C-alpha atoms as a PDB file:
ATOM      1  CA  MET A   1       8.166  -9.014  18.179  1.00  0.00           C
ATOM      2  CA  GLN A   2       5.007  -7.913  15.948  1.00  0.00           C
ATOM      3  CA  PRO A   3       5.023  -8.478  12.696  1.00  0.00           C
ATOM      4  CA  PRO A   4       4.661  -5.140  10.791  1.00  0.00           C
ATOM      5  CA  PRO A   5       1.155  -3.946   9.226  1.00  0.00           C
ATOM      6  CA  ARG A   6      -0.198  -5.113   6.015  1.00  0.00           C
ATOM      7  CA  TRP A   7      -2.814  -2.644   5.466  1.00  0.00           C
ATOM      8  CA  PHE A   8      -1.847   1.129   4.587  1.00  0.00           C
ATOM      9  CA  LYS A   9      -4.138   4.603   3.809  1.00  0.00           C
ATOM     10  CA  ALA A  10      -3.588   5.092   0.279  1.00  0.00           C
ATOM     11  CA  SER A  11      -2.982   8.868   1.448  1.00  0.00           C
ATOM     12  CA  ASP A  12       0.018   8.078   3.498  1.00  0.00           C
ATOM     13  CA  ILE A  13       1.621   6.132   0.593  1.00  0.00           C
ATOM     14  CA  LEU A  14       0.871   9.047  -1.825  1.00  0.00           C
ATOM     15  CA  SER A  15       2.346  11.729   0.924  1.00  0.00           C
ATOM     16  CA  GLY A  16       5.553   9.747   1.448  1.00  0.00           C
ATOM     17  CA  GLN A  17       4.768   9.267   4.832  1.00  0.00           C
ATOM     18  CA  VAL A  18       5.040   5.037   4.122  1.00  0.00           C
ATOM     19  CA  GLN A  19       7.431   4.165   2.446  1.00  0.00           C
ATOM     20  CA  LEU A  20       7.375   0.092   1.398  1.00  0.00           C
ATOM     21  CA  HIS A  21      10.771   0.402  -0.613  1.00  0.00           C
ATOM     22  CA  SER A  22      12.447  -2.393   2.329  1.00  0.00           C
ATOM     23  CA  TYR A  23       8.875  -3.966   3.428  1.00  0.00           C
ATOM     24  CA  PRO A  24       9.901  -7.500   4.564  1.00  0.00           C
ATOM     25  CA  LEU A  25       6.719  -8.836   3.830  1.00  0.00           C
ATOM     26  CA  THR A  26       5.266 -10.080   0.513  1.00  0.00           C
ATOM     27  CA  PHE A  27       1.334  -8.870   0.641  1.00  0.00           C
ATOM     28  CA  VAL A  28      -0.109  -5.573   1.370  1.00  0.00           C
ATOM     29  CA  ALA A  29      -3.600  -4.173   1.501  1.00  0.00           C
ATOM     30  CA  ILE A  30      -4.232  -0.153   0.499  1.00  0.00           C
ATOM     31  CA  GLY A  31      -7.273   1.593   1.170  1.00  0.00           C
ATOM     32  CA  ALA A  32      -8.746   4.846   1.327  1.00  0.00           C
ATOM     33  CA  PRO A  33     -10.655   5.098   4.630  1.00  0.00           C
ATOM     34  CA  GLY A  34     -12.238   8.301   5.581  1.00  0.00           C
ATOM     35  CA  THR A  35     -12.264   9.461   1.943  1.00  0.00           C
ATOM     36  CA  PRO A  36     -16.020  10.335   0.961  1.00  0.00           C
ATOM     37  CA  GLN A  37     -17.264   7.190  -0.946  1.00  0.00           C
ATOM     38  CA  GLY A  38     -17.524   7.593  -4.948  1.00  0.00           C
ATOM     39  CA  LEU A  39     -15.022   8.717  -7.775  1.00  0.00           C
ATOM     40  CA  ARG A  40     -12.362  10.513  -5.209  1.00  0.00           C
ATOM     41  CA  ALA A  41     -11.831   7.267  -3.040  1.00  0.00           C
ATOM     42  CA  ILE A  42     -10.892   5.350  -6.452  1.00  0.00           C
ATOM     43  CA  GLU A  43      -8.527   7.808  -7.692  1.00  0.00           C
ATOM     44  CA  ILE A  44      -6.594   7.964  -4.340  1.00  0.00           C
ATOM     45  CA  THR A  45      -6.468   3.979  -4.486  1.00  0.00           C
ATOM     46  CA  PHE A  46      -5.463   4.214  -7.982  1.00  0.00           C
ATOM     47  CA  ALA A  47      -2.861   6.835  -7.703  1.00  0.00           C
ATOM     48  CA  ALA A  48      -1.091   4.677  -4.537  1.00  0.00           C
ATOM     49  CA  ALA A  49      -1.409   1.510  -6.572  1.00  0.00           C
ATOM     50  CA  GLU A  50       0.443   2.975  -9.205  1.00  0.00           C
ATOM     51  CA  LEU A  51       2.924   4.589  -7.263  1.00  0.00           C
ATOM     52  CA  LEU A  52       3.784   1.069  -5.691  1.00  0.00           C
ATOM     53  CA  GLU A  53       3.900  -0.456  -9.019  1.00  0.00           C
ATOM     54  CA  SER A  54       6.950   1.746  -9.918  1.00  0.00           C
ATOM     55  CA  GLN A  55       8.201   0.476  -6.820  1.00  0.00           C
ATOM     56  CA  GLY A  56       8.216  -3.226  -7.977  1.00  0.00           C
ATOM     57  CA  TRP A  57       4.681  -4.011  -6.222  1.00  0.00           C
ATOM     58  CA  ARG A  58       2.139  -5.853  -8.476  1.00  0.00           C
ATOM     59  CA  VAL A  59      -1.772  -5.552  -8.560  1.00  0.00           C
ATOM     60  CA  VAL A  60      -2.951  -8.568  -7.482  1.00  0.00           C
ATOM     61  CA  SER A  61      -6.812  -7.520  -7.227  1.00  0.00           C
ATOM     62  CA  PHE A  62      -9.148  -4.725  -6.123  1.00  0.00           C
ATOM     63  CA  GLY A  63     -12.176  -5.013  -3.432  1.00  0.00           C
ATOM     64  CA  ASP A  64     -15.109  -2.382  -2.386  1.00  0.00           C
ATOM     65  CA  GLU A  65     -15.767  -1.167  -6.010  1.00  0.00           C
ATOM     66  CA  GLY A  66     -12.280   0.057  -6.231  1.00  0.00           C
ATOM     67  CA  ARG A  67     -11.684   1.791  -2.860  1.00  0.00           C
ATOM     68  CA  LEU A  68      -9.226  -1.261  -1.637  1.00  0.00           C
ATOM     69  CA  VAL A  69      -6.610  -2.710  -3.676  1.00  0.00           C
ATOM     70  CA  PHE A  70      -4.011  -5.530  -2.888  1.00  0.00           C
ATOM     71  CA  LEU A  71      -0.615  -5.518  -4.001  1.00  0.00           C
ATOM     72  CA  ARG A  72       2.202  -8.514  -3.777  1.00  0.00           C
ATOM     73  CA  ARG A  73       5.523  -7.476  -4.056  1.00  0.00           C
ATOM     74  CA  GLU A  74       7.749  -9.237  -7.007  1.00  0.00           C
ATOM     75  CA  HIS A  75      10.792  -9.515  -5.017  1.00  0.00           C
ATOM     76  CA  ARG A  76      11.808  -9.303  -1.342  1.00  0.00           C
ATOM     77  CA  PRO A  77      14.340  -6.581  -0.315  1.00  0.00           C
ATOM     78  CA  VAL A  78      17.656  -8.202   0.855  1.00  0.00           C
ATOM     79  CA  ALA A  79      18.591  -5.517   3.143  1.00  0.00           C
ATOM     80  CA  PRO A  80      16.668  -5.554   6.660  1.00  0.00           C
ATOM     81  CA  PRO A  81      13.538  -3.216   6.921  1.00  0.00           C
ATOM     82  CA  PRO A  82      13.588   0.098   8.389  1.00  0.00           C
ATOM     83  CA  ALA A  83      11.695   0.707  11.763  1.00  0.00           C
ATOM     84  CA  GLN A  84       9.410   2.652   9.996  1.00  0.00           C
ATOM     85  CA  TYR A  85       6.028   1.308   8.643  1.00  0.00           C
ATOM     86  CA  HIS A  86       3.277   3.414  10.176  1.00  0.00           C
ATOM     87  CA  GLY A  87       0.347   1.756   9.217  1.00  0.00           C
ATOM     88  CA  GLN A  88      -2.621   1.117  10.979  1.00  0.00           C
END
């Protein structure tokens, strides 16, 4: 069995298409691919990071001038993960 993905689109996090509540791993990366360079990509990435921080994730660092964020879960979920990850 393949491990779940670690890379997710910020827009999928914001739309609710990707839910990481029971994600089994500790580290993920969130980015805004396909978003025009500049302020809009940064806003989308920051908004996704803020949403995930409200769910127990913490920002480790930003990359690519703010268009990429690396997060770490403060605690792992106890329940087994659902079959829904839909990352790249």
